[in-house]
Amino acid sequence: MANPQRIEIDLTAQTLTLFDDDDHEVKQYLVSTAAKGGGEFEGSHQTPRGKHRIRAKIGAGAPPGTVFKGRRPTGEVYSVELAQAAPRRDWILSRILWLCGEEVGRNRLGAVDTMRRFIYIHGAADTAVMGKPGSIGCVRMTNSDVIDLFERVDVGTKVEIHE
């Protein structure tokens, strides 16, 4: 199968849909985006809208549940014990697809830069509810779903985020 042409993330439906080069739906996943809704400004804790692309893929081959901090594996694998030790942590697990805005003034450069805001599509703790907003800006997926998506896309894949 050819790599999908694009990804569409619907903030209202809380879904991520993968499309192929012929614009046919390949797969749809439930996600969890920002609890504070859509928004582009640094420090807003909102999910940025508009046209993006995958800037980097991080975590290829890492075990499911690998814990990342600053885009680097910590050497830990998510567990109940880790979760209990840091109950408020927004876990970044398994894989990271780092997004870059494509629209100058909307989600690229200055105080609205998606990449500088470290907005990712990433795996989340088992306790994170998919299909309902709950993140602090990123797009969270189950670990099995983010691993599946990671294997299907390339750096440069277009990502559209809308309400």
N, C-alpha and C. Protein backbone atom coordinates (compact mmCIF):
# COMPACT_ATOMS: atom_id res chain seq x y z
N MET A 1 0.83 -1.19 0.00
CA MET A 1 0.00 0.00 0.00
C MET A 1 0.88 1.25 0.00
N ALA A 2 0.53 2.22 -0.80
CA ALA A 2 1.26 3.49 -0.82
C ALA A 2 1.00 4.22 0.49
N ASN A 3 1.94 5.06 0.87
CA ASN A 3 1.75 5.83 2.10
C ASN A 3 0.60 6.80 1.92
N PRO A 4 -0.18 7.02 2.98
CA PRO A 4 -1.32 7.93 2.88
C PRO A 4 -0.88 9.34 2.48
N GLN A 5 -1.75 9.98 1.76
CA GLN A 5 -1.49 11.33 1.30
C GLN A 5 -1.65 12.34 2.43
N ARG A 6 -2.62 12.09 3.32
CA ARG A 6 -2.90 13.11 4.35
C ARG A 6 -3.60 12.52 5.56
N ILE A 7 -3.58 13.31 6.62
CA ILE A 7 -4.27 13.01 7.88
C ILE A 7 -5.21 14.17 8.15
N GLU A 8 -6.41 13.84 8.60
CA GLU A 8 -7.38 14.86 9.01
C GLU A 8 -7.74 14.60 10.46
N ILE A 9 -7.62 15.64 11.30
CA ILE A 9 -7.98 15.53 12.71
C ILE A 9 -9.16 16.45 12.96
N ASP A 10 -10.26 15.86 13.44
CA ASP A 10 -11.50 16.58 13.69
C ASP A 10 -11.63 16.78 15.20
N LEU A 11 -11.49 18.03 15.65
CA LEU A 11 -11.54 18.33 17.08
C LEU A 11 -12.93 18.10 17.67
N THR A 12 -13.96 18.30 16.89
CA THR A 12 -15.33 18.10 17.37
C THR A 12 -15.63 16.62 17.54
N ALA A 13 -15.30 15.82 16.53
CA ALA A 13 -15.57 14.37 16.56
C ALA A 13 -14.52 13.61 17.34
N GLN A 14 -13.36 14.25 17.63
CA GLN A 14 -12.25 13.59 18.32
C GLN A 14 -11.78 12.36 17.53
N THR A 15 -11.57 12.56 16.22
CA THR A 15 -11.10 11.49 15.36
C THR A 15 -9.89 11.95 14.55
N LEU A 16 -9.07 10.98 14.18
CA LEU A 16 -7.97 11.17 13.26
C LEU A 16 -8.22 10.20 12.11
N THR A 17 -8.29 10.73 10.90
CA THR A 17 -8.58 9.90 9.73
C THR A 17 -7.41 9.97 8.77
N LEU A 18 -7.01 8.80 8.30
CA LEU A 18 -5.91 8.65 7.35
C LEU A 18 -6.51 8.47 5.95
N PHE A 19 -6.01 9.20 4.97
CA PHE A 19 -6.47 9.10 3.59
C PHE A 19 -5.31 8.69 2.69
N ASP A 20 -5.60 7.93 1.64
CA ASP A 20 -4.55 7.52 0.70
C ASP A 20 -4.39 8.56 -0.41
N ASP A 21 -3.52 8.27 -1.36
CA ASP A 21 -3.23 9.20 -2.46
C ASP A 21 -4.45 9.51 -3.32
N ASP A 22 -5.44 8.61 -3.32
CA ASP A 22 -6.67 8.83 -4.09
C ASP A 22 -7.76 9.47 -3.23
N ASP A 23 -7.39 9.91 -2.02
CA ASP A 23 -8.30 10.56 -1.07
C ASP A 23 -9.40 9.63 -0.57
N HIS A 24 -9.11 8.33 -0.53
CA HIS A 24 -10.02 7.35 0.08
C HIS A 24 -9.60 7.15 1.53
N GLU A 25 -10.57 7.00 2.41
CA GLU A 25 -10.27 6.75 3.82
C GLU A 25 -9.58 5.40 3.97
N VAL A 26 -8.44 5.41 4.66
CA VAL A 26 -7.69 4.19 4.94
C VAL A 26 -8.07 3.66 6.32
N LYS A 27 -8.10 4.54 7.31
CA LYS A 27 -8.39 4.13 8.68
C LYS A 27 -8.76 5.35 9.50
N GLN A 28 -9.64 5.13 10.49
CA GLN A 28 -10.01 6.20 11.41
C GLN A 28 -9.74 5.74 12.83
N TYR A 29 -9.21 6.65 13.63
CA TYR A 29 -8.87 6.37 15.03
C TYR A 29 -9.57 7.38 15.93
N LEU A 30 -9.93 6.97 17.14
CA LEU A 30 -10.38 7.91 18.16
C LEU A 30 -9.14 8.55 18.78
N VAL A 31 -9.22 9.84 19.09
CA VAL A 31 -8.11 10.56 19.70
C VAL A 31 -8.62 11.38 20.87
N SER A 32 -7.70 12.02 21.56
CA SER A 32 -8.05 12.97 22.62
C SER A 32 -7.19 14.21 22.40
N THR A 33 -7.85 15.33 22.06
CA THR A 33 -7.14 16.58 21.83
C THR A 33 -7.29 17.46 23.07
N ALA A 34 -6.94 18.72 22.96
CA ALA A 34 -6.88 19.61 24.12
C ALA A 34 -8.22 19.79 24.83
N ALA A 35 -8.16 19.71 26.15
CA ALA A 35 -9.34 19.96 26.98
C ALA A 35 -9.84 21.39 26.78
N LYS A 36 -8.95 22.31 26.41
CA LYS A 36 -9.32 23.72 26.22
C LYS A 36 -9.70 24.04 24.77
N GLY A 37 -9.85 23.00 23.93
CA GLY A 37 -10.30 23.21 22.56
C GLY A 37 -9.19 23.59 21.60
N GLY A 38 -9.60 24.17 20.49
CA GLY A 38 -8.65 24.57 19.45
C GLY A 38 -8.15 25.97 19.66
N GLY A 39 -6.87 26.18 19.40
CA GLY A 39 -6.25 27.49 19.53
C GLY A 39 -4.76 27.41 19.23
N GLU A 40 -4.21 28.49 18.76
CA GLU A 40 -2.86 28.45 18.24
C GLU A 40 -1.79 29.09 19.13
N PHE A 41 -2.17 29.89 20.11
CA PHE A 41 -1.17 30.67 20.83
C PHE A 41 -0.36 29.86 21.84
N GLU A 42 0.92 30.17 21.88
CA GLU A 42 1.84 29.57 22.83
C GLU A 42 1.30 29.77 24.25
N GLY A 43 1.32 28.72 25.06
CA GLY A 43 0.84 28.79 26.43
C GLY A 43 -0.66 28.63 26.57
N SER A 44 -1.38 28.47 25.47
CA SER A 44 -2.84 28.36 25.53
C SER A 44 -3.32 26.98 25.96
N HIS A 45 -2.47 25.97 25.84
CA HIS A 45 -2.84 24.57 26.12
C HIS A 45 -4.01 24.13 25.24
N GLN A 46 -4.04 24.66 24.01
CA GLN A 46 -5.06 24.30 23.02
C GLN A 46 -4.39 23.59 21.84
N THR A 47 -5.18 22.83 21.09
CA THR A 47 -4.67 22.14 19.91
C THR A 47 -4.72 23.10 18.73
N PRO A 48 -3.58 23.29 18.05
CA PRO A 48 -3.54 24.24 16.94
C PRO A 48 -4.29 23.72 15.71
N ARG A 49 -5.04 24.61 15.08
CA ARG A 49 -5.82 24.26 13.90
C ARG A 49 -5.06 24.64 12.64
N GLY A 50 -5.58 24.15 11.51
CA GLY A 50 -5.02 24.53 10.23
C GLY A 50 -4.17 23.45 9.60
N LYS A 51 -3.39 23.87 8.61
CA LYS A 51 -2.56 22.95 7.83
C LYS A 51 -1.20 22.75 8.51
N HIS A 52 -0.84 21.50 8.68
CA HIS A 52 0.42 21.09 9.29
C HIS A 52 1.05 19.99 8.44
N ARG A 53 2.22 19.57 8.85
CA ARG A 53 2.86 18.38 8.29
C ARG A 53 3.63 17.70 9.40
N ILE A 54 3.93 16.42 9.20
CA ILE A 54 4.77 15.70 10.17
C ILE A 54 6.21 16.13 9.93
N ARG A 55 6.81 16.74 10.93
CA ARG A 55 8.19 17.23 10.85
C ARG A 55 9.18 16.13 11.18
N ALA A 56 8.83 15.29 12.16
CA ALA A 56 9.74 14.23 12.59
C ALA A 56 8.96 13.07 13.16
N LYS A 57 9.53 11.88 12.98
CA LYS A 57 8.99 10.65 13.58
C LYS A 57 10.02 10.18 14.60
N ILE A 58 9.56 10.00 15.84
CA ILE A 58 10.47 9.67 16.94
C ILE A 58 9.97 8.41 17.64
N GLY A 59 10.88 7.45 17.86
CA GLY A 59 10.55 6.26 18.64
C GLY A 59 10.46 4.97 17.85
N ALA A 60 10.88 4.98 16.59
CA ALA A 60 10.81 3.76 15.77
C ALA A 60 11.46 2.60 16.50
N GLY A 61 10.75 1.49 16.60
CA GLY A 61 11.29 0.28 17.21
C GLY A 61 11.26 0.24 18.73
N ALA A 62 10.86 1.32 19.37
CA ALA A 62 10.80 1.34 20.84
C ALA A 62 9.66 0.42 21.30
N PRO A 63 9.84 -0.22 22.46
CA PRO A 63 8.77 -1.06 22.98
C PRO A 63 7.49 -0.24 23.23
N PRO A 64 6.32 -0.84 23.04
CA PRO A 64 5.07 -0.14 23.38
C PRO A 64 5.11 0.34 24.83
N GLY A 65 4.66 1.57 25.06
CA GLY A 65 4.66 2.12 26.41
C GLY A 65 5.95 2.82 26.79
N THR A 66 6.93 2.88 25.88
CA THR A 66 8.18 3.60 26.18
C THR A 66 7.83 5.03 26.58
N VAL A 67 8.44 5.50 27.67
CA VAL A 67 8.21 6.85 28.18
C VAL A 67 9.20 7.81 27.52
N PHE A 68 8.68 8.93 27.00
CA PHE A 68 9.52 9.97 26.39
C PHE A 68 9.44 11.24 27.21
N LYS A 69 10.58 11.90 27.34
CA LYS A 69 10.64 13.22 27.96
C LYS A 69 11.60 14.04 27.10
N GLY A 70 11.17 15.21 26.64
CA GLY A 70 11.99 16.01 25.75
C GLY A 70 12.32 15.26 24.47
N ARG A 71 11.38 14.45 23.99
CA ARG A 71 11.51 13.67 22.76
C ARG A 71 12.57 12.58 22.84
N ARG A 72 13.02 12.24 24.02
CA ARG A 72 14.00 11.18 24.19
C ARG A 72 13.44 10.11 25.13
N PRO A 73 13.71 8.83 24.83
CA PRO A 73 13.24 7.78 25.73
C PRO A 73 13.96 7.88 27.08
N THR A 74 13.20 7.71 28.16
CA THR A 74 13.78 7.82 29.50
C THR A 74 14.40 6.50 29.96
N GLY A 75 14.13 5.42 29.23
CA GLY A 75 14.56 4.09 29.66
C GLY A 75 13.46 3.37 30.42
N GLU A 76 12.34 4.06 30.65
CA GLU A 76 11.22 3.47 31.38
C GLU A 76 10.14 3.01 30.40
N VAL A 77 9.33 2.08 30.85
CA VAL A 77 8.12 1.66 30.15
C VAL A 77 6.97 1.95 31.09
N TYR A 78 5.92 2.60 30.58
CA TYR A 78 4.78 3.00 31.39
C TYR A 78 4.22 1.81 32.18
N SER A 79 3.90 2.08 33.43
CA SER A 79 3.34 1.05 34.31
C SER A 79 2.42 1.72 35.33
N VAL A 80 1.65 0.93 36.02
CA VAL A 80 0.77 1.43 37.07
C VAL A 80 1.60 2.14 38.14
N GLU A 81 2.75 1.59 38.46
CA GLU A 81 3.62 2.19 39.48
C GLU A 81 4.10 3.58 39.07
N LEU A 82 4.52 3.72 37.81
CA LEU A 82 4.93 5.04 37.31
C LEU A 82 3.77 6.01 37.35
N ALA A 83 2.60 5.56 36.94
CA ALA A 83 1.41 6.41 36.94
C ALA A 83 1.07 6.88 38.36
N GLN A 84 1.18 5.98 39.33
CA GLN A 84 0.87 6.35 40.71
C GLN A 84 1.90 7.34 41.26
N ALA A 85 3.14 7.23 40.80
CA ALA A 85 4.20 8.13 41.27
C ALA A 85 4.05 9.54 40.69
N ALA A 86 3.38 9.66 39.55
CA ALA A 86 3.19 10.96 38.90
C ALA A 86 1.76 11.05 38.36
N PRO A 87 0.77 11.17 39.26
CA PRO A 87 -0.64 11.10 38.86
C PRO A 87 -1.11 12.21 37.92
N ARG A 88 -0.46 13.34 37.90
CA ARG A 88 -0.91 14.46 37.06
C ARG A 88 -0.14 14.57 35.75
N ARG A 89 0.80 13.71 35.52
CA ARG A 89 1.64 13.79 34.34
C ARG A 89 0.85 13.45 33.07
N ASP A 90 1.08 14.24 32.02
CA ASP A 90 0.49 13.96 30.71
C ASP A 90 1.53 13.13 29.96
N TRP A 91 1.40 11.83 30.03
CA TRP A 91 2.40 10.89 29.52
C TRP A 91 2.53 10.94 28.00
N ILE A 92 3.77 10.95 27.54
CA ILE A 92 4.08 10.85 26.11
C ILE A 92 4.74 9.49 25.93
N LEU A 93 4.01 8.59 25.24
CA LEU A 93 4.40 7.19 25.21
C LEU A 93 4.48 6.63 23.79
N SER A 94 5.29 5.60 23.64
CA SER A 94 5.38 4.72 22.47
C SER A 94 5.97 5.35 21.21
N ARG A 95 5.35 6.39 20.66
CA ARG A 95 5.80 7.04 19.43
C ARG A 95 5.41 8.51 19.47
N ILE A 96 6.20 9.32 18.74
CA ILE A 96 5.90 10.75 18.61
C ILE A 96 5.92 11.11 17.13
N LEU A 97 4.87 11.77 16.69
CA LEU A 97 4.84 12.40 15.37
C LEU A 97 4.78 13.91 15.66
N TRP A 98 5.92 14.59 15.44
CA TRP A 98 6.06 16.01 15.79
C TRP A 98 5.52 16.85 14.64
N LEU A 99 4.58 17.72 14.94
CA LEU A 99 3.93 18.51 13.91
C LEU A 99 4.58 19.88 13.71
N CYS A 100 4.50 20.36 12.49
CA CYS A 100 5.02 21.66 12.09
C CYS A 100 3.91 22.39 11.35
N GLY A 101 3.61 23.62 11.74
CA GLY A 101 2.59 24.41 11.06
C GLY A 101 3.03 24.82 9.66
N GLU A 102 2.06 24.99 8.79
CA GLU A 102 2.34 25.36 7.39
C GLU A 102 1.80 26.75 7.04
N GLU A 103 1.08 27.40 7.98
CA GLU A 103 0.44 28.67 7.68
C GLU A 103 1.05 29.80 8.52
N VAL A 104 1.91 30.60 7.88
CA VAL A 104 2.59 31.69 8.56
C VAL A 104 1.54 32.62 9.18
N GLY A 105 1.73 32.93 10.47
CA GLY A 105 0.82 33.81 11.19
C GLY A 105 -0.35 33.09 11.84
N ARG A 106 -0.64 31.86 11.38
CA ARG A 106 -1.72 31.08 11.99
C ARG A 106 -1.16 29.99 12.89
N ASN A 107 -0.21 29.22 12.38
CA ASN A 107 0.36 28.12 13.17
C ASN A 107 1.86 27.94 12.90
N ARG A 108 2.47 28.95 12.27
CA ARG A 108 3.89 28.91 11.97
C ARG A 108 4.50 30.28 12.27
N LEU A 109 5.64 30.24 12.97
CA LEU A 109 6.42 31.41 13.35
C LEU A 109 5.74 32.20 14.49
N GLY A 110 6.53 32.98 15.17
CA GLY A 110 6.04 33.83 16.25
C GLY A 110 5.38 33.07 17.38
N ALA A 111 4.37 33.69 17.97
CA ALA A 111 3.68 33.15 19.15
C ALA A 111 2.67 32.06 18.82
N VAL A 112 2.59 31.65 17.54
CA VAL A 112 1.63 30.63 17.15
C VAL A 112 2.32 29.41 16.52
N ASP A 113 3.62 29.26 16.70
CA ASP A 113 4.37 28.22 16.01
C ASP A 113 4.14 26.83 16.62
N THR A 114 3.46 25.97 15.87
CA THR A 114 3.13 24.62 16.33
C THR A 114 4.37 23.83 16.73
N MET A 115 5.41 23.90 15.93
CA MET A 115 6.63 23.13 16.22
C MET A 115 7.28 23.63 17.51
N ARG A 116 7.40 24.94 17.68
CA ARG A 116 8.00 25.48 18.90
C ARG A 116 7.13 25.24 20.13
N ARG A 117 5.84 24.97 19.91
CA ARG A 117 4.93 24.62 21.01
C ARG A 117 5.06 23.14 21.36
N PHE A 118 5.84 22.39 20.59
CA PHE A 118 6.03 20.95 20.81
C PHE A 118 4.70 20.20 20.77
N ILE A 119 3.97 20.43 19.68
CA ILE A 119 2.69 19.75 19.49
C ILE A 119 2.95 18.44 18.74
N TYR A 120 2.53 17.34 19.36
CA TYR A 120 2.75 16.01 18.82
C TYR A 120 1.44 15.24 18.67
N ILE A 121 1.51 14.20 17.85
CA ILE A 121 0.57 13.08 17.91
C ILE A 121 1.36 12.03 18.66
N HIS A 122 0.85 11.54 19.80
CA HIS A 122 1.64 10.60 20.61
C HIS A 122 0.76 9.61 21.36
N GLY A 123 1.38 8.55 21.83
CA GLY A 123 0.69 7.57 22.66
C GLY A 123 0.45 8.13 24.05
N ALA A 124 -0.59 7.61 24.70
CA ALA A 124 -1.00 8.12 26.01
C ALA A 124 -1.18 6.98 27.00
N ALA A 125 -1.31 7.36 28.26
CA ALA A 125 -1.55 6.38 29.32
C ALA A 125 -2.85 5.63 29.08
N ASP A 126 -2.92 4.42 29.58
CA ASP A 126 -4.12 3.59 29.43
C ASP A 126 -5.35 4.25 30.03
N THR A 127 -5.15 5.15 30.98
CA THR A 127 -6.26 5.82 31.64
C THR A 127 -6.80 7.00 30.84
N ALA A 128 -6.08 7.45 29.81
CA ALA A 128 -6.55 8.57 28.98
C ALA A 128 -7.74 8.10 28.16
N VAL A 129 -8.82 8.84 28.23
CA VAL A 129 -10.04 8.48 27.52
C VAL A 129 -9.98 9.02 26.10
N MET A 130 -10.12 8.13 25.12
CA MET A 130 -10.14 8.56 23.71
C MET A 130 -11.57 8.93 23.34
N GLY A 131 -11.70 9.84 22.36
CA GLY A 131 -13.02 10.29 21.93
C GLY A 131 -13.54 11.46 22.76
N LYS A 132 -12.68 11.95 23.67
CA LYS A 132 -13.07 13.05 24.55
C LYS A 132 -11.84 13.96 24.74
N PRO A 133 -12.01 15.30 24.62
CA PRO A 133 -10.86 16.19 24.84
C PRO A 133 -10.29 15.99 26.24
N GLY A 134 -8.96 16.08 26.35
CA GLY A 134 -8.35 15.89 27.67
C GLY A 134 -6.87 16.23 27.73
N SER A 135 -6.23 16.51 26.60
CA SER A 135 -4.79 16.77 26.61
C SER A 135 -4.51 18.24 26.93
N ILE A 136 -3.23 18.59 26.96
CA ILE A 136 -2.84 19.99 27.16
C ILE A 136 -2.36 20.61 25.85
N GLY A 137 -2.81 20.07 24.73
CA GLY A 137 -2.50 20.64 23.43
C GLY A 137 -2.21 19.61 22.35
N CYS A 138 -1.59 18.52 22.73
CA CYS A 138 -1.23 17.48 21.76
C CYS A 138 -2.44 16.64 21.37
N VAL A 139 -2.21 15.76 20.40
CA VAL A 139 -3.22 14.80 19.96
C VAL A 139 -2.81 13.46 20.53
N ARG A 140 -3.57 12.97 21.50
CA ARG A 140 -3.25 11.69 22.15
C ARG A 140 -3.99 10.55 21.47
N MET A 141 -3.30 9.40 21.42
CA MET A 141 -3.88 8.18 20.87
C MET A 141 -3.55 7.03 21.81
N THR A 142 -4.26 5.90 21.64
CA THR A 142 -3.85 4.71 22.38
C THR A 142 -2.47 4.31 21.85
N ASN A 143 -1.74 3.57 22.63
CA ASN A 143 -0.40 3.16 22.21
C ASN A 143 -0.43 2.28 20.97
N SER A 144 -1.36 1.34 20.91
CA SER A 144 -1.43 0.48 19.73
C SER A 144 -1.80 1.28 18.49
N ASP A 145 -2.69 2.27 18.63
CA ASP A 145 -3.08 3.09 17.48
C ASP A 145 -1.94 3.98 17.00
N VAL A 146 -1.20 4.61 17.92
CA VAL A 146 -0.12 5.50 17.48
C VAL A 146 1.01 4.70 16.82
N ILE A 147 1.25 3.48 17.29
CA ILE A 147 2.26 2.63 16.66
C ILE A 147 1.80 2.26 15.25
N ASP A 148 0.52 1.92 15.10
CA ASP A 148 -0.02 1.59 13.78
C ASP A 148 0.09 2.80 12.84
N LEU A 149 -0.32 3.97 13.29
CA LEU A 149 -0.25 5.18 12.48
C LEU A 149 1.19 5.50 12.10
N PHE A 150 2.09 5.40 13.06
CA PHE A 150 3.52 5.69 12.85
C PHE A 150 4.08 4.88 11.69
N GLU A 151 3.68 3.62 11.61
CA GLU A 151 4.18 2.73 10.56
C GLU A 151 3.58 3.06 9.19
N ARG A 152 2.48 3.77 9.16
CA ARG A 152 1.78 4.06 7.90
C ARG A 152 2.15 5.40 7.27
N VAL A 153 2.79 6.29 8.02
CA VAL A 153 3.05 7.64 7.52
C VAL A 153 4.54 7.94 7.42
N ASP A 154 4.85 8.96 6.66
CA ASP A 154 6.23 9.41 6.49
C ASP A 154 6.38 10.85 6.99
N VAL A 155 7.61 11.25 7.24
CA VAL A 155 7.90 12.66 7.49
C VAL A 155 7.41 13.42 6.26
N GLY A 156 6.74 14.54 6.48
CA GLY A 156 6.21 15.33 5.39
C GLY A 156 4.73 15.09 5.12
N THR A 157 4.14 14.03 5.71
CA THR A 157 2.72 13.77 5.53
C THR A 157 1.92 14.99 5.97
N LYS A 158 0.97 15.41 5.15
CA LYS A 158 0.13 16.57 5.46
C LYS A 158 -0.89 16.22 6.55
N VAL A 159 -1.10 17.17 7.46
CA VAL A 159 -2.04 17.00 8.57
C VAL A 159 -2.92 18.25 8.63
N GLU A 160 -4.22 18.06 8.54
CA GLU A 160 -5.18 19.16 8.65
C GLU A 160 -5.94 18.99 9.96
N ILE A 161 -5.94 20.03 10.79
CA ILE A 161 -6.66 19.99 12.07
C ILE A 161 -7.78 21.02 12.02
N HIS A 162 -9.02 20.57 12.26
CA HIS A 162 -10.17 21.48 12.18
C HIS A 162 -11.21 21.12 13.24
N GLU A 163 -12.15 22.06 13.43
CA GLU A 163 -13.25 21.84 14.37
C GLU A 163 -14.47 21.40 13.61
